[in-house]
Amino acid sequence: MTLLSPWAVGPQPIVSRPPAASSAALGRQDLGLRPSQDAWSTAPSLRAAGGGFAIGLAAAAATAAVRARGWQQAGCAARGTHPGVKPLSSVLRRAEAAEAEGRLSQEQEVRQALRQVKDKGLNIDIVTAGFVSAVEVNRDTAAVTVRLEVATFQDMARGAVEKLPWVKSVDIRVPAPPPAATASQPMRPPMPQIPPALDKVKTILAVSSCKGGVGKSTVAVNLAYELQKSGLKVGIFDCDVYGPSLPVMVRLPYEPQMEMYEDAEKVKHIRPCVDPATGIKLVSFGYAGKAAVMRGSMVTGLVSQLMTQTEWGELDFLVLDLPPGTGDIHLTLAQVCKITAAVIVTTPQKLSIIDVERGISMFSQLAVPSVAVVQNMSYLVMPDGTRMYPFGKTDAGRNIADTFGIDHVFELPLEPSLAEAGDTGVPYTSRGVAGAASDEFAKLAQAVVKEVEKIHKNVTRPKVEYDNAREQFRVSLPNGEFFGIDPFVLRARDKGAGGATPPKEGAMPAEIRDMGNYAVVIRWSDGFVQVAPHKQLVYGDEKGPMPRIQLDNVAVA
């Protein structure tokens, strides 16, 4: 077996071990640079093999902390490295200088060129979509080899790469074409395959807020540990490269270090850190050093590689602690894996609510149902047991859930022990502390498991169509019942934050699409966009039952 350390920049000695050596022993090797090699000039050979992961780490090394000299000297013997290896600090200085000058490696130049090729159906470039599996550059011949997951973009990719002035030849390789489409099985748009590393992961749960500082990481980590307490196998992926928090919130009894190795088929694998007390698998860029300053394209490549090359093994839940916002990382993760569901975290403030609504809309576009809303820092428990609401009793979380038809809402208190747990590295839910926060996390975990089971069982939802001939919505329920709804009555009862907007003359519903498993989005011809929860369509709202129109059993015109 051959090994590569992902935390150094540049090629590293390959150490061969006899088959009898255990994988655990091999995994502890931290292999250094050969003294005779120029780390930065030869780094592309590793980056070509490691892809975006090594690229991202090369950029990240520019601001990563250099370990103490004593650790470097003592660690050589303990970790099996050569005594004359180059200090990591010299490698970092080279990477820092290159990053400051804005130089790109040839592999990076090729990937940048390939980003000009767009998938019109997905409206994103083929690199972000995951259609580019590998880029190889032969520096002696200036020959470029690009491996694509689909043949659709073969010609466009070749044309984009050939425009680079230093390229002399381009070889585009694609898998064998699938069987021809038939009448019963029409051709579908190309989509990335599920990475082998995620084959045994049953549920991928995103925890998101789209607003920084609301306690999203606190919810993600404690929810993961609460799920584990019920006997589930759990992993946590801290997706925030710029500000990773997992190493602080979960302190391990050993120095955590993720390791990369190469199998017999030259496939890269990453071993995650593991909490020995619970078996929870932990992945965070924070385990590689301090958070880095790097360009967005490198961040997405790094996150994608951490997600798809980590040996997650068999998991019931992989909890994603997403960074704030609705940017490239969220889109990248949605493209490289199938996110099962999302938990939305907010606070009582109105500004947080606005950002959370954008986040729910983003997940809707990615066909990810939001299954619960957590309103953090909701209240203080006073000595006499009463509750004091320092930010006002706004019911922000319940309003969001009601607007988007989400059934489960949880309120976490401002509890000193909860904040202390995050600072000391021992998750709150693993301490066995009784209190309001413990009760809410337990209820949250139960609700998540319940809703995810529904998703996996593919519980059907109402089907909503617009009948142009009758000028009304037709709602078909899973039990075979169907009825009509006047579109203007539904618009007048819009539950959005801005309130109902009277339609312009001649305005009609122009498009209807599902929003996860809980609502439909209706776009009107006058530009108005309305979210109608299934509960509102079927059962009504605070204004009473939704008026139904009796229909005959005739298909929508």
Protein backbone atom coordinates (compact mmCIF):
# COMPACT_ATOMS: atom_id res chain seq x y z
CA MET A 1 0.00 0.00 0.00
CA THR A 2 1.32 3.49 -0.75
CA LEU A 3 0.71 6.51 1.40
CA LEU A 4 0.42 10.24 0.87
CA SER A 5 0.08 12.90 3.53
CA PRO A 6 -2.57 15.46 2.53
CA TRP A 7 -1.22 18.09 4.88
CA ALA A 8 2.06 18.76 3.08
CA VAL A 9 2.41 20.50 -0.27
CA GLY A 10 4.34 18.64 -2.93
CA PRO A 11 5.34 15.07 -3.70
CA GLN A 12 6.32 12.82 -0.86
CA PRO A 13 8.28 9.59 -0.52
CA ILE A 14 6.23 6.49 -1.05
CA VAL A 15 6.83 3.91 1.63
CA SER A 16 6.04 0.29 0.85
CA ARG A 17 4.92 -1.91 3.73
CA PRO A 18 4.53 -5.67 3.81
CA PRO A 19 0.95 -6.96 3.78
CA ALA A 20 1.22 -7.91 7.44
CA ALA A 21 1.44 -4.26 8.52
CA SER A 22 -1.88 -3.07 9.90
CA SER A 23 -3.79 -0.26 8.23
CA ALA A 24 -3.85 1.58 11.55
CA ALA A 25 -0.07 1.52 11.73
CA LEU A 26 0.25 2.67 8.15
CA GLY A 27 -2.28 5.41 8.73
CA ARG A 28 -0.10 6.97 11.43
CA GLN A 29 2.72 7.72 8.98
CA ASP A 30 3.26 11.40 8.19
CA LEU A 31 5.57 11.28 5.22
CA GLY A 32 7.78 14.27 4.41
CA LEU A 33 9.49 15.77 1.37
CA ARG A 34 12.74 14.51 -0.11
CA PRO A 35 15.49 17.07 0.53
CA SER A 36 16.46 17.03 -3.13
CA GLN A 37 13.03 18.00 -4.39
CA ASP A 38 11.68 21.46 -4.97
CA ALA A 39 8.34 21.23 -3.22
CA TRP A 40 6.45 23.87 -5.13
CA SER A 41 7.81 23.23 -8.63
CA THR A 42 7.05 19.51 -8.37
CA ALA A 43 3.76 19.86 -6.50
CA PRO A 44 1.63 19.56 -9.67
CA SER A 45 2.46 15.85 -9.92
CA LEU A 46 0.71 15.27 -6.62
CA ARG A 47 -2.02 17.74 -7.42
CA ALA A 48 -2.71 15.92 -10.69
CA ALA A 49 -3.13 12.71 -8.75
CA GLY A 50 -5.05 14.19 -5.85
CA GLY A 51 -7.25 16.58 -7.80
CA GLY A 52 -9.02 19.46 -6.14
CA PHE A 53 -8.22 18.15 -2.66
CA ALA A 54 -4.47 18.68 -3.07
CA ILE A 55 -5.09 21.95 -4.92
CA GLY A 56 -7.16 23.27 -2.08
CA LEU A 57 -4.60 22.15 0.49
CA ALA A 58 -1.80 23.80 -1.47
CA ALA A 59 -3.59 27.11 -1.29
CA ALA A 60 -4.61 26.53 2.29
CA ALA A 61 -1.02 25.94 3.30
CA ALA A 62 -0.33 29.62 2.65
CA THR A 63 -1.92 30.53 5.95
CA ALA A 64 -1.75 27.24 7.89
CA ALA A 65 0.11 27.35 11.22
CA VAL A 66 3.58 25.86 11.27
CA ARG A 67 3.99 23.23 13.96
CA ALA A 68 6.60 23.79 16.64
CA ARG A 69 10.19 22.90 15.69
CA GLY A 70 10.45 20.46 18.57
CA TRP A 71 7.47 18.49 17.26
CA GLN A 72 9.05 18.37 13.80
CA GLN A 73 12.37 17.06 15.12
CA ALA A 74 10.95 14.55 17.58
CA GLY A 75 8.18 13.53 15.24
CA CYS A 76 10.50 12.34 12.48
CA ALA A 77 11.60 9.25 14.38
CA ALA A 78 8.20 8.56 15.89
CA ARG A 79 6.32 8.93 12.66
CA GLY A 80 8.72 7.13 10.31
CA THR A 81 9.87 10.09 8.22
CA HIS A 82 13.38 10.69 6.92
CA PRO A 83 15.54 12.72 9.32
CA GLY A 84 16.59 15.09 6.53
CA VAL A 85 13.15 16.12 5.31
CA LYS A 86 12.47 19.73 4.49
CA PRO A 87 10.81 21.63 7.32
CA LEU A 88 7.13 22.22 6.71
CA SER A 89 7.73 25.93 7.26
CA SER A 90 9.84 26.17 4.10
CA VAL A 91 7.12 24.48 2.09
CA LEU A 92 4.55 26.86 3.50
CA ARG A 93 6.68 29.88 2.63
CA ARG A 94 6.91 28.73 -0.97
CA ALA A 95 3.16 28.14 -1.13
CA GLU A 96 2.50 31.51 0.48
CA ALA A 97 4.69 33.31 -2.03
CA ALA A 98 3.08 31.52 -4.96
CA GLU A 99 -0.40 32.24 -3.66
CA ALA A 100 0.46 35.91 -3.12
CA GLU A 101 1.63 36.17 -6.73
CA GLY A 102 -1.61 34.55 -7.89
CA ARG A 103 0.15 31.85 -9.90
CA LEU A 104 -1.91 28.90 -11.05
CA SER A 105 -0.55 25.44 -11.75
CA GLN A 106 -1.18 23.98 -15.17
CA GLU A 107 -3.77 21.61 -13.73
CA GLN A 108 -5.56 24.57 -12.22
CA GLU A 109 -5.42 26.41 -15.54
CA VAL A 110 -7.06 23.42 -17.22
CA ARG A 111 -9.83 23.28 -14.62
CA GLN A 112 -10.37 27.02 -14.94
CA ALA A 113 -10.72 26.59 -18.71
CA LEU A 114 -13.19 23.74 -18.21
CA ARG A 115 -15.34 26.00 -16.01
CA GLN A 116 -16.24 27.86 -19.20
CA VAL A 117 -18.19 24.78 -20.32
CA LYS A 118 -21.71 24.99 -18.91
CA ASP A 119 -24.45 22.43 -18.45
CA LYS A 120 -27.51 24.35 -19.59
CA GLY A 121 -29.88 22.03 -17.76
CA LEU A 122 -28.17 22.48 -14.41
CA ASN A 123 -27.03 26.04 -15.21
CA ILE A 124 -23.59 25.40 -13.74
CA ASP A 125 -20.15 24.54 -15.14
CA ILE A 126 -19.04 20.95 -15.59
CA VAL A 127 -16.33 21.18 -12.90
CA THR A 128 -18.80 22.28 -10.22
CA ALA A 129 -21.30 19.67 -11.42
CA GLY A 130 -18.76 16.92 -10.83
CA PHE A 131 -18.47 15.85 -14.47
CA VAL A 132 -14.67 16.29 -14.49
CA SER A 133 -13.24 13.34 -12.59
CA ALA A 134 -9.52 13.95 -13.23
CA VAL A 135 -7.04 16.24 -14.99
CA GLU A 136 -3.54 15.05 -15.89
CA VAL A 137 -0.74 17.12 -17.45
CA ASN A 138 2.45 15.79 -18.99
CA ARG A 139 4.89 18.66 -18.57
CA ASP A 140 7.45 17.21 -20.98
CA THR A 141 5.04 16.96 -23.92
CA ALA A 142 2.45 19.62 -22.88
CA ALA A 143 -0.20 16.93 -23.31
CA VAL A 144 -3.41 17.19 -21.28
CA THR A 145 -5.70 14.29 -20.39
CA VAL A 146 -9.18 15.07 -19.06
CA ARG A 147 -11.47 12.37 -17.71
CA LEU A 148 -15.18 13.20 -17.98
CA GLU A 149 -18.09 11.36 -16.40
CA VAL A 150 -20.30 11.96 -19.46
CA ALA A 151 -19.58 12.27 -23.17
CA THR A 152 -22.02 15.13 -23.72
CA PHE A 153 -19.36 17.79 -23.12
CA GLN A 154 -16.47 16.03 -24.88
CA ASP A 155 -16.10 18.44 -27.81
CA MET A 156 -16.72 21.58 -25.78
CA ALA A 157 -14.17 20.49 -23.15
CA ARG A 158 -11.56 19.79 -25.82
CA GLY A 159 -12.14 23.19 -27.39
CA ALA A 160 -11.85 24.98 -24.04
CA VAL A 161 -8.55 23.29 -23.13
CA GLU A 162 -7.03 23.77 -26.60
CA LYS A 163 -7.33 27.53 -26.15
CA LEU A 164 -4.60 27.45 -23.50
CA PRO A 165 -1.42 28.67 -25.26
CA TRP A 166 0.92 26.07 -23.79
CA VAL A 167 -1.24 23.01 -24.64
CA LYS A 168 -0.05 20.91 -27.59
CA SER A 169 -2.47 17.98 -27.41
CA VAL A 170 -5.72 17.16 -25.60
CA ASP A 171 -7.10 13.70 -24.84
CA ILE A 172 -10.68 13.59 -23.53
CA ARG A 173 -11.61 10.25 -22.02
CA VAL A 174 -15.15 9.24 -21.10
CA PRO A 175 -16.74 6.00 -19.82
CA ALA A 176 -18.36 3.59 -22.23
CA PRO A 177 -21.76 4.91 -23.39
CA PRO A 178 -24.87 3.50 -21.68
CA PRO A 179 -27.39 1.36 -23.56
CA ALA A 180 -29.55 3.23 -26.03
CA ALA A 181 -32.79 4.72 -24.74
CA THR A 182 -36.03 2.87 -25.33
CA ALA A 183 -39.66 3.92 -25.30
CA SER A 184 -40.11 2.52 -21.79
CA GLN A 185 -36.80 3.93 -20.54
CA PRO A 186 -36.15 7.33 -22.13
CA MET A 187 -32.76 8.97 -21.86
CA ARG A 188 -32.33 11.11 -18.75
CA PRO A 189 -30.13 14.18 -18.33
CA PRO A 190 -26.60 13.30 -17.20
CA MET A 191 -26.06 13.46 -13.44
CA PRO A 192 -22.99 12.64 -11.34
CA GLN A 193 -22.95 9.19 -9.82
CA ILE A 194 -23.01 8.69 -6.04
CA PRO A 195 -19.36 8.48 -4.96
CA PRO A 196 -18.35 5.02 -3.69
CA ALA A 197 -17.36 6.56 -0.35
CA LEU A 198 -21.02 7.46 0.26
CA ASP A 199 -22.56 4.17 -0.85
CA LYS A 200 -23.16 2.99 2.71
CA VAL A 201 -24.35 6.33 4.08
CA LYS A 202 -28.12 6.02 4.52
CA THR A 203 -28.99 9.63 5.34
CA ILE A 204 -27.17 12.89 4.67
CA LEU A 205 -28.61 15.60 6.91
CA ALA A 206 -27.71 19.26 6.31
CA VAL A 207 -27.80 21.70 9.22
CA SER A 208 -27.99 25.21 7.85
CA SER A 209 -28.85 28.74 8.84
CA CYS A 210 -27.63 31.01 6.01
CA LYS A 211 -26.93 33.48 8.82
CA GLY A 212 -23.70 33.43 10.82
CA GLY A 213 -23.64 33.37 14.60
CA VAL A 214 -26.97 31.69 15.26
CA GLY A 215 -25.56 28.51 16.81
CA LYS A 216 -25.72 26.26 13.78
CA SER A 217 -22.57 24.32 14.69
CA THR A 218 -23.87 23.87 18.24
CA VAL A 219 -27.07 22.35 16.87
CA ALA A 220 -25.23 20.17 14.32
CA VAL A 221 -22.76 18.66 16.81
CA ASN A 222 -25.26 18.10 19.61
CA LEU A 223 -27.85 16.66 17.23
CA ALA A 224 -25.24 14.22 15.92
CA TYR A 225 -24.32 13.08 19.42
CA GLU A 226 -27.99 12.78 20.38
CA LEU A 227 -28.60 10.57 17.33
CA GLN A 228 -25.64 8.42 18.33
CA LYS A 229 -27.08 7.92 21.83
CA SER A 230 -30.02 6.07 20.25
CA GLY A 231 -27.67 3.49 18.74
CA LEU A 232 -27.24 5.06 15.29
CA LYS A 233 -23.93 5.23 13.45
CA VAL A 234 -23.11 8.88 12.86
CA GLY A 235 -20.52 11.07 11.14
CA ILE A 236 -20.00 14.84 11.18
CA PHE A 237 -18.58 16.86 8.27
CA ASP A 238 -17.62 20.43 9.16
CA CYS A 239 -18.01 22.07 5.75
CA ASP A 240 -16.77 25.52 6.78
CA VAL A 241 -13.23 25.85 5.46
CA TYR A 242 -12.85 29.51 6.39
CA GLY A 243 -13.96 29.07 9.99
CA PRO A 244 -14.04 25.40 11.06
CA SER A 245 -15.44 24.83 14.54
CA LEU A 246 -15.49 21.04 14.96
CA PRO A 247 -11.96 20.76 16.46
CA VAL A 248 -13.00 23.18 19.23
CA MET A 249 -16.42 21.68 19.90
CA VAL A 250 -15.16 18.07 19.97
CA ARG A 251 -11.83 17.63 21.73
CA LEU A 252 -10.25 14.23 21.20
CA PRO A 253 -7.89 12.45 23.63
CA TYR A 254 -5.22 12.27 20.93
CA GLU A 255 -3.80 14.74 18.44
CA PRO A 256 -6.36 14.53 15.61
CA GLN A 257 -4.98 14.08 12.13
CA MET A 258 -6.81 12.97 9.03
CA GLU A 259 -4.66 10.92 6.67
CA MET A 260 -4.70 10.26 2.96
CA TYR A 261 -3.49 7.05 1.38
CA GLU A 262 -3.51 5.48 -2.05
CA ASP A 263 -4.82 1.97 -2.64
CA ALA A 264 -3.53 -0.62 -5.08
CA GLU A 265 -5.65 0.89 -7.84
CA LYS A 266 -4.18 4.36 -7.25
CA VAL A 267 -7.45 5.64 -5.76
CA LYS A 268 -7.10 8.25 -3.03
CA HIS A 269 -8.77 7.68 0.35
CA ILE A 270 -8.99 9.87 3.45
CA ARG A 271 -9.20 8.40 6.92
CA PRO A 272 -11.40 10.54 9.17
CA CYS A 273 -10.77 11.23 12.83
CA VAL A 274 -12.87 9.11 15.17
CA ASP A 275 -14.18 9.92 18.64
CA PRO A 276 -13.14 6.78 20.56
CA ALA A 277 -15.90 7.26 23.14
CA THR A 278 -18.75 7.21 20.61
CA GLY A 279 -17.35 5.98 17.31
CA ILE A 280 -18.56 9.19 15.60
CA LYS A 281 -16.44 9.95 12.52
CA LEU A 282 -15.22 13.53 12.29
CA VAL A 283 -13.97 15.46 9.26
CA SER A 284 -12.97 19.13 9.34
CA PHE A 285 -10.40 21.26 7.61
CA GLY A 286 -9.57 22.49 11.09
CA TYR A 287 -7.74 19.22 11.68
CA ALA A 288 -5.26 20.26 8.98
CA GLY A 289 -4.31 23.51 10.73
CA LYS A 290 -5.85 26.94 10.97
CA ALA A 291 -8.55 28.11 8.58
CA ALA A 292 -7.12 29.25 5.26
CA VAL A 293 -7.54 32.13 2.88
CA MET A 294 -8.19 30.72 -0.57
CA ARG A 295 -10.20 31.34 -3.69
CA GLY A 296 -13.74 30.04 -4.02
CA SER A 297 -12.92 27.49 -6.73
CA MET A 298 -10.26 25.94 -4.51
CA VAL A 299 -12.63 25.80 -1.55
CA THR A 300 -15.30 23.95 -3.51
CA GLY A 301 -12.72 21.50 -4.83
CA LEU A 302 -11.43 20.88 -1.33
CA VAL A 303 -14.92 20.36 0.14
CA SER A 304 -15.87 18.03 -2.70
CA GLN A 305 -12.79 15.88 -2.18
CA LEU A 306 -13.22 15.73 1.59
CA MET A 307 -16.81 14.63 1.06
CA THR A 308 -16.22 12.04 -1.64
CA GLN A 309 -12.85 10.55 -0.67
CA THR A 310 -13.36 10.15 3.07
CA GLU A 311 -13.87 6.58 4.26
CA TRP A 312 -17.25 7.17 5.85
CA GLY A 313 -18.09 3.49 5.91
CA GLU A 314 -21.53 2.41 7.07
CA LEU A 315 -23.44 5.35 8.58
CA ASP A 316 -27.06 5.92 9.48
CA PHE A 317 -26.58 9.70 9.51
CA LEU A 318 -23.91 11.96 8.07
CA VAL A 319 -24.52 15.42 9.54
CA LEU A 320 -23.27 18.33 7.41
CA ASP A 321 -22.46 21.50 9.34
CA LEU A 322 -22.84 23.95 6.45
CA PRO A 323 -21.22 27.40 6.37
CA PRO A 324 -23.42 30.51 6.34
CA GLY A 325 -24.90 31.67 3.07
CA THR A 326 -26.24 30.03 -0.07
CA GLY A 327 -23.07 29.83 -2.12
CA ASP A 328 -20.76 27.51 -4.00
CA ILE A 329 -20.19 25.02 -1.18
CA HIS A 330 -23.90 24.33 -0.79
CA LEU A 331 -24.33 23.85 -4.53
CA THR A 332 -21.23 21.68 -4.79
CA LEU A 333 -22.38 19.35 -2.02
CA ALA A 334 -25.84 19.08 -3.58
CA GLN A 335 -24.21 18.05 -6.85
CA VAL A 336 -21.74 15.47 -5.51
CA CYS A 337 -24.16 13.79 -3.10
CA LYS A 338 -27.86 13.38 -2.44
CA ILE A 339 -28.75 15.44 0.63
CA THR A 340 -31.70 13.70 2.27
CA ALA A 341 -33.09 16.51 4.41
CA ALA A 342 -32.21 19.79 6.14
CA VAL A 343 -32.61 21.25 9.63
CA ILE A 344 -32.88 25.04 9.69
CA VAL A 345 -31.43 27.06 12.58
CA THR A 346 -32.53 30.60 13.38
CA THR A 347 -32.75 33.09 16.25
CA PRO A 348 -35.65 35.34 17.32
CA GLN A 349 -34.34 38.38 15.43
CA LYS A 350 -36.13 39.42 12.25
CA LEU A 351 -32.87 39.73 10.29
CA SER A 352 -32.11 36.07 10.93
CA ILE A 353 -35.59 35.12 9.72
CA ILE A 354 -35.04 36.83 6.37
CA ASP A 355 -31.82 34.90 5.76
CA VAL A 356 -33.38 31.62 6.87
CA GLU A 357 -36.21 32.05 4.38
CA ARG A 358 -33.61 32.38 1.63
CA GLY A 359 -31.96 29.21 2.88
CA ILE A 360 -35.20 27.25 2.78
CA SER A 361 -35.80 28.50 -0.76
CA MET A 362 -32.30 27.37 -1.72
CA PHE A 363 -32.93 23.86 -0.41
CA SER A 364 -36.22 23.83 -2.27
CA GLN A 365 -34.41 24.55 -5.55
CA LEU A 366 -32.05 21.68 -4.73
CA ALA A 367 -35.03 19.37 -4.01
CA VAL A 368 -34.01 19.00 -0.35
CA PRO A 369 -36.92 18.99 2.13
CA SER A 370 -36.51 20.98 5.35
CA VAL A 371 -37.82 18.80 8.19
CA ALA A 372 -37.36 20.96 11.30
CA VAL A 373 -36.73 24.53 12.46
CA VAL A 374 -34.62 25.21 15.57
CA GLN A 375 -34.94 28.65 17.15
CA ASN A 376 -31.78 29.07 19.18
CA MET A 377 -31.22 31.52 22.07
CA SER A 378 -34.96 31.83 22.52
CA TYR A 379 -35.23 32.49 26.25
CA LEU A 380 -33.58 32.45 29.67
CA VAL A 381 -34.79 30.14 32.42
CA MET A 382 -35.13 32.23 35.58
CA PRO A 383 -34.46 30.86 39.10
CA ASP A 384 -38.19 30.57 39.76
CA GLY A 385 -38.66 28.48 36.61
CA THR A 386 -40.27 31.21 34.50
CA ARG A 387 -38.96 32.19 31.10
CA MET A 388 -37.54 35.57 30.15
CA TYR A 389 -37.25 36.45 26.46
CA PRO A 390 -34.31 38.88 26.03
CA PHE A 391 -34.92 39.25 22.29
CA GLY A 392 -38.69 39.36 22.60
CA LYS A 393 -41.16 36.54 22.26
CA THR A 394 -41.29 36.73 18.48
CA ASP A 395 -42.19 33.12 17.60
CA ALA A 396 -39.84 33.55 14.64
CA GLY A 397 -39.19 29.85 14.25
CA ARG A 398 -42.87 28.99 14.40
CA ASN A 399 -43.68 31.66 11.83
CA ILE A 400 -41.09 30.23 9.45
CA ALA A 401 -42.40 26.71 9.96
CA ASP A 402 -45.97 27.86 9.43
CA THR A 403 -45.05 29.78 6.29
CA PHE A 404 -43.30 26.83 4.68
CA GLY A 405 -45.43 24.05 6.13
CA ILE A 406 -42.72 22.51 8.34
CA ASP A 407 -44.22 20.43 11.14
CA HIS A 408 -41.47 20.51 13.76
CA VAL A 409 -40.28 23.61 15.65
CA PHE A 410 -37.91 23.58 18.63
CA GLU A 411 -36.80 26.37 20.95
CA LEU A 412 -33.39 26.18 22.63
CA PRO A 413 -32.75 28.34 25.70
CA LEU A 414 -29.79 30.57 26.48
CA GLU A 415 -28.20 28.07 28.83
CA PRO A 416 -24.67 28.65 30.25
CA SER A 417 -23.86 24.94 30.33
CA LEU A 418 -24.68 24.65 26.62
CA ALA A 419 -22.24 27.43 25.76
CA GLU A 420 -19.62 25.98 28.09
CA ALA A 421 -19.86 22.58 26.40
CA GLY A 422 -19.04 24.14 23.05
CA ASP A 423 -15.95 25.85 24.48
CA THR A 424 -14.58 22.88 26.41
CA GLY A 425 -14.90 20.35 23.60
CA VAL A 426 -17.37 18.01 25.30
CA PRO A 427 -20.73 18.06 23.44
CA TYR A 428 -23.63 19.04 25.67
CA THR A 429 -25.78 16.04 24.74
CA SER A 430 -22.98 13.63 25.65
CA ARG A 431 -22.79 14.93 29.24
CA GLY A 432 -26.11 13.54 30.40
CA VAL A 433 -27.17 16.92 31.81
CA ALA A 434 -30.88 17.32 32.50
CA GLY A 435 -32.53 20.53 31.39
CA ALA A 436 -34.67 22.27 28.81
CA ALA A 437 -31.93 22.13 26.16
CA SER A 438 -31.46 18.37 26.65
CA ASP A 439 -35.19 17.81 26.24
CA GLU A 440 -35.30 19.85 23.04
CA PHE A 441 -32.33 18.06 21.48
CA ALA A 442 -33.93 14.69 22.30
CA LYS A 443 -37.19 15.78 20.67
CA LEU A 444 -35.31 17.18 17.67
CA ALA A 445 -33.46 13.89 17.12
CA GLN A 446 -36.71 11.92 17.33
CA ALA A 447 -38.43 14.25 14.85
CA VAL A 448 -35.52 14.04 12.40
CA VAL A 449 -35.52 10.23 12.50
CA LYS A 450 -39.29 10.19 11.98
CA GLU A 451 -39.25 12.59 9.03
CA VAL A 452 -36.29 10.89 7.37
CA GLU A 453 -38.08 7.55 7.57
CA LYS A 454 -40.98 9.11 5.68
CA ILE A 455 -38.61 10.39 3.02
CA HIS A 456 -36.95 7.00 2.59
CA LYS A 457 -40.35 5.32 2.36
CA ASN A 458 -41.24 7.82 -0.37
CA VAL A 459 -44.49 8.88 1.30
CA THR A 460 -46.51 10.48 -1.46
CA ARG A 461 -47.57 14.12 -1.33
CA PRO A 462 -50.45 16.06 -2.86
CA LYS A 463 -50.18 16.74 -6.56
CA VAL A 464 -51.03 20.31 -7.55
CA GLU A 465 -51.75 21.27 -11.17
CA TYR A 466 -53.26 24.29 -12.87
CA ASP A 467 -56.26 23.63 -15.13
CA ASN A 468 -56.09 26.27 -17.85
CA ALA A 469 -59.56 25.43 -19.18
CA ARG A 470 -61.26 25.84 -15.80
CA GLU A 471 -58.79 28.47 -14.53
CA GLN A 472 -58.35 26.77 -11.17
CA PHE A 473 -55.92 24.58 -9.26
CA ARG A 474 -56.55 20.86 -9.12
CA VAL A 475 -55.28 19.15 -5.95
CA SER A 476 -55.02 15.35 -6.00
CA LEU A 477 -54.45 13.61 -2.65
CA PRO A 478 -52.61 10.30 -2.15
CA ASN A 479 -55.89 8.58 -1.17
CA GLY A 480 -57.42 9.33 -4.57
CA GLU A 481 -59.48 12.34 -3.45
CA PHE A 482 -59.29 15.48 -5.60
CA PHE A 483 -60.73 18.98 -5.53
CA GLY A 484 -60.24 22.43 -7.00
CA ILE A 485 -59.07 25.74 -5.48
CA ASP A 486 -59.67 29.22 -6.84
CA PRO A 487 -56.17 30.61 -7.58
CA PHE A 488 -57.13 34.15 -6.55
CA VAL A 489 -58.50 32.94 -3.21
CA LEU A 490 -55.22 31.12 -2.59
CA ARG A 491 -53.18 34.18 -3.57
CA ALA A 492 -55.19 36.39 -1.19
CA ARG A 493 -54.21 34.02 1.62
CA ASP A 494 -50.48 34.04 0.80
CA LYS A 495 -48.41 33.35 3.91
CA GLY A 496 -45.19 35.06 2.80
CA ALA A 497 -43.44 37.65 4.95
CA GLY A 498 -44.51 40.48 2.63
CA GLY A 499 -48.18 39.54 2.82
CA ALA A 500 -50.63 39.03 -0.02
CA THR A 501 -50.10 41.18 -3.14
CA PRO A 502 -53.18 41.87 -5.32
CA PRO A 503 -52.70 40.42 -8.80
CA LYS A 504 -52.26 42.68 -11.79
CA GLU A 505 -54.95 42.65 -14.44
CA GLY A 506 -54.81 39.46 -16.47
CA ALA A 507 -52.30 37.77 -14.11
CA MET A 508 -52.55 34.00 -13.98
CA PRO A 509 -50.47 31.14 -12.49
CA ALA A 510 -47.61 30.49 -14.90
CA GLU A 511 -45.64 27.70 -13.20
CA ILE A 512 -46.03 25.27 -10.31
CA ARG A 513 -43.23 23.17 -8.81
CA ASP A 514 -42.79 21.13 -5.66
CA MET A 515 -40.87 22.63 -2.75
CA GLY A 516 -39.44 19.60 -1.01
CA ASN A 517 -42.09 17.38 0.57
CA TYR A 518 -44.07 20.10 2.27
CA ALA A 519 -45.17 22.85 -0.15
CA VAL A 520 -45.50 24.03 -3.75
CA VAL A 521 -44.10 27.20 -5.28
CA ILE A 522 -46.43 29.08 -7.62
CA ARG A 523 -45.00 31.66 -10.02
CA TRP A 524 -47.56 34.08 -11.42
CA SER A 525 -47.39 35.78 -14.79
CA ASP A 526 -47.02 39.19 -13.11
CA GLY A 527 -43.82 38.05 -11.40
CA PHE A 528 -45.32 37.26 -7.98
CA VAL A 529 -43.97 34.10 -6.34
CA GLN A 530 -46.07 32.31 -3.73
CA VAL A 531 -45.26 29.42 -1.40
CA ALA A 532 -48.32 27.31 -0.59
CA PRO A 533 -47.76 24.64 2.12
CA HIS A 534 -49.56 21.35 1.61
CA LYS A 535 -51.20 21.82 5.02
CA GLN A 536 -52.73 25.08 3.83
CA LEU A 537 -54.07 23.52 0.63
CA VAL A 538 -55.57 20.50 2.37
CA TYR A 539 -56.56 21.74 5.82
CA GLY A 540 -56.60 25.53 5.53
CA ASP A 541 -54.89 28.09 7.76
CA GLU A 542 -55.61 30.62 10.51
CA LYS A 543 -58.34 32.10 8.31
CA GLY A 544 -60.20 28.81 8.24
CA PRO A 545 -60.56 25.86 5.84
CA MET A 546 -59.49 26.42 2.26
CA PRO A 547 -62.66 26.66 0.07
CA ARG A 548 -62.85 23.61 -2.18
CA ILE A 549 -64.39 23.36 -5.64
CA GLN A 550 -66.01 20.07 -6.54
CA LEU A 551 -64.50 18.57 -9.70
CA ASP A 552 -65.41 15.75 -12.03
CA ASN A 553 -62.86 13.05 -12.71
CA VAL A 554 -61.47 14.71 -15.83
CA ALA A 555 -57.80 15.18 -16.55
CA VAL A 556 -56.34 18.67 -16.42
CA ALA A 557 -56.69 20.43 -19.74
